[in-house]
Amino acid sequence: MTADFISTMYQNNHLTASTSRQVKGVDSVRPLAEELVSQLDDAFQPDPNPEENRRLFTNMKVGESAAMIMIMMGWLET
């Protein structure tokens, strides 16, 4: 999923120039995708408190979170 997301952003010229230069083929997307997965895992880390989980995650969407993370990492043009 993250590799597809990054590839789509690349194809639509939404990646920053420095990030686009890293994409030289399918295999070069993998490290970026793995980093994005790691960041998403951190962002969606559950809290031990179920009520806090509902508060934190009720309106979170993976695609929107991925885009926000990519912006914060300087991968997407803003």
Protein backbone atom coordinates (compact mmCIF):
# COMPACT_ATOMS: atom_id res chain seq x y z
CA MET A 1 0.00 0.00 0.00
CA THR A 2 2.70 2.54 0.90
CA ALA A 3 4.73 1.74 -2.21
CA ASP A 4 1.62 2.30 -4.34
CA PHE A 5 0.93 5.56 -2.51
CA ILE A 6 4.49 6.81 -3.07
CA SER A 7 4.44 5.67 -6.71
CA THR A 8 1.19 7.54 -7.32
CA MET A 9 2.62 10.68 -5.75
CA TYR A 10 5.72 10.28 -7.94
CA GLN A 11 3.70 9.77 -11.13
CA ASN A 12 1.58 12.85 -10.36
CA ASN A 13 4.67 14.99 -9.66
CA HIS A 14 3.74 15.58 -6.02
CA LEU A 15 7.09 14.49 -4.57
CA THR A 16 9.77 17.04 -3.83
CA ALA A 17 12.66 17.14 -6.28
CA SER A 18 15.03 15.51 -3.79
CA THR A 19 12.60 12.66 -3.11
CA SER A 20 11.83 12.19 -6.81
CA ARG A 21 15.55 11.79 -7.53
CA GLN A 22 15.57 8.78 -5.18
CA VAL A 23 13.00 6.99 -7.35
CA LYS A 24 14.91 5.24 -10.10
CA GLY A 25 12.66 2.21 -10.46
CA VAL A 26 10.43 -0.15 -8.55
CA ASP A 27 13.19 -1.35 -6.22
CA SER A 28 14.13 2.19 -5.22
CA VAL A 29 10.62 2.83 -3.85
CA ARG A 30 10.99 0.08 -1.25
CA PRO A 31 13.18 1.99 1.26
CA LEU A 32 10.81 4.95 1.09
CA ALA A 33 7.81 2.66 1.56
CA GLU A 34 9.46 0.93 4.52
CA GLU A 35 10.19 4.28 6.17
CA LEU A 36 6.59 5.40 5.63
CA VAL A 37 5.30 2.13 7.14
CA SER A 38 7.50 2.67 10.18
CA GLN A 39 6.20 6.21 10.60
CA LEU A 40 2.58 5.07 10.20
CA ASP A 41 3.12 2.29 12.76
CA ASP A 42 4.34 4.93 15.21
CA ALA A 43 1.41 7.24 14.43
CA PHE A 44 -1.14 4.47 14.97
CA GLN A 45 0.49 2.97 18.06
CA PRO A 46 -2.43 2.06 20.35
CA ASP A 47 -2.77 3.56 23.79
CA PRO A 48 -3.45 1.14 26.67
CA ASN A 49 -6.62 3.13 27.45
CA PRO A 50 -9.49 2.09 25.10
CA GLU A 51 -11.24 5.45 25.56
CA GLU A 52 -8.08 7.29 24.57
CA ASN A 53 -7.79 5.05 21.48
CA ARG A 54 -11.31 6.03 20.43
CA ARG A 55 -10.49 9.70 20.92
CA LEU A 56 -7.20 9.46 19.02
CA PHE A 57 -8.18 7.21 16.13
CA THR A 58 -11.88 7.72 15.43
CA ASN A 59 -11.35 10.21 12.62
CA MET A 60 -7.85 9.17 11.48
CA LYS A 61 -7.51 7.82 7.96
CA VAL A 62 -4.39 6.01 6.81
CA GLY A 63 -4.12 7.81 3.47
CA GLU A 64 -4.48 11.24 5.05
CA SER A 65 -2.01 10.31 7.77
CA ALA A 66 0.47 9.02 5.17
CA ALA A 67 0.23 12.28 3.24
CA MET A 68 0.72 14.34 6.40
CA ILE A 69 3.73 12.26 7.42
CA MET A 70 5.23 12.64 3.93
CA ILE A 71 4.78 16.41 4.17
CA MET A 72 6.42 16.50 7.59
CA MET A 73 9.35 14.42 6.26
CA GLY A 74 9.75 16.81 3.34
CA TRP A 75 8.78 14.25 0.71
CA LEU A 76 5.71 16.02 -0.71
CA GLU A 77 5.38 19.40 -2.33
CA THR A 78 3.12 21.68 -0.35
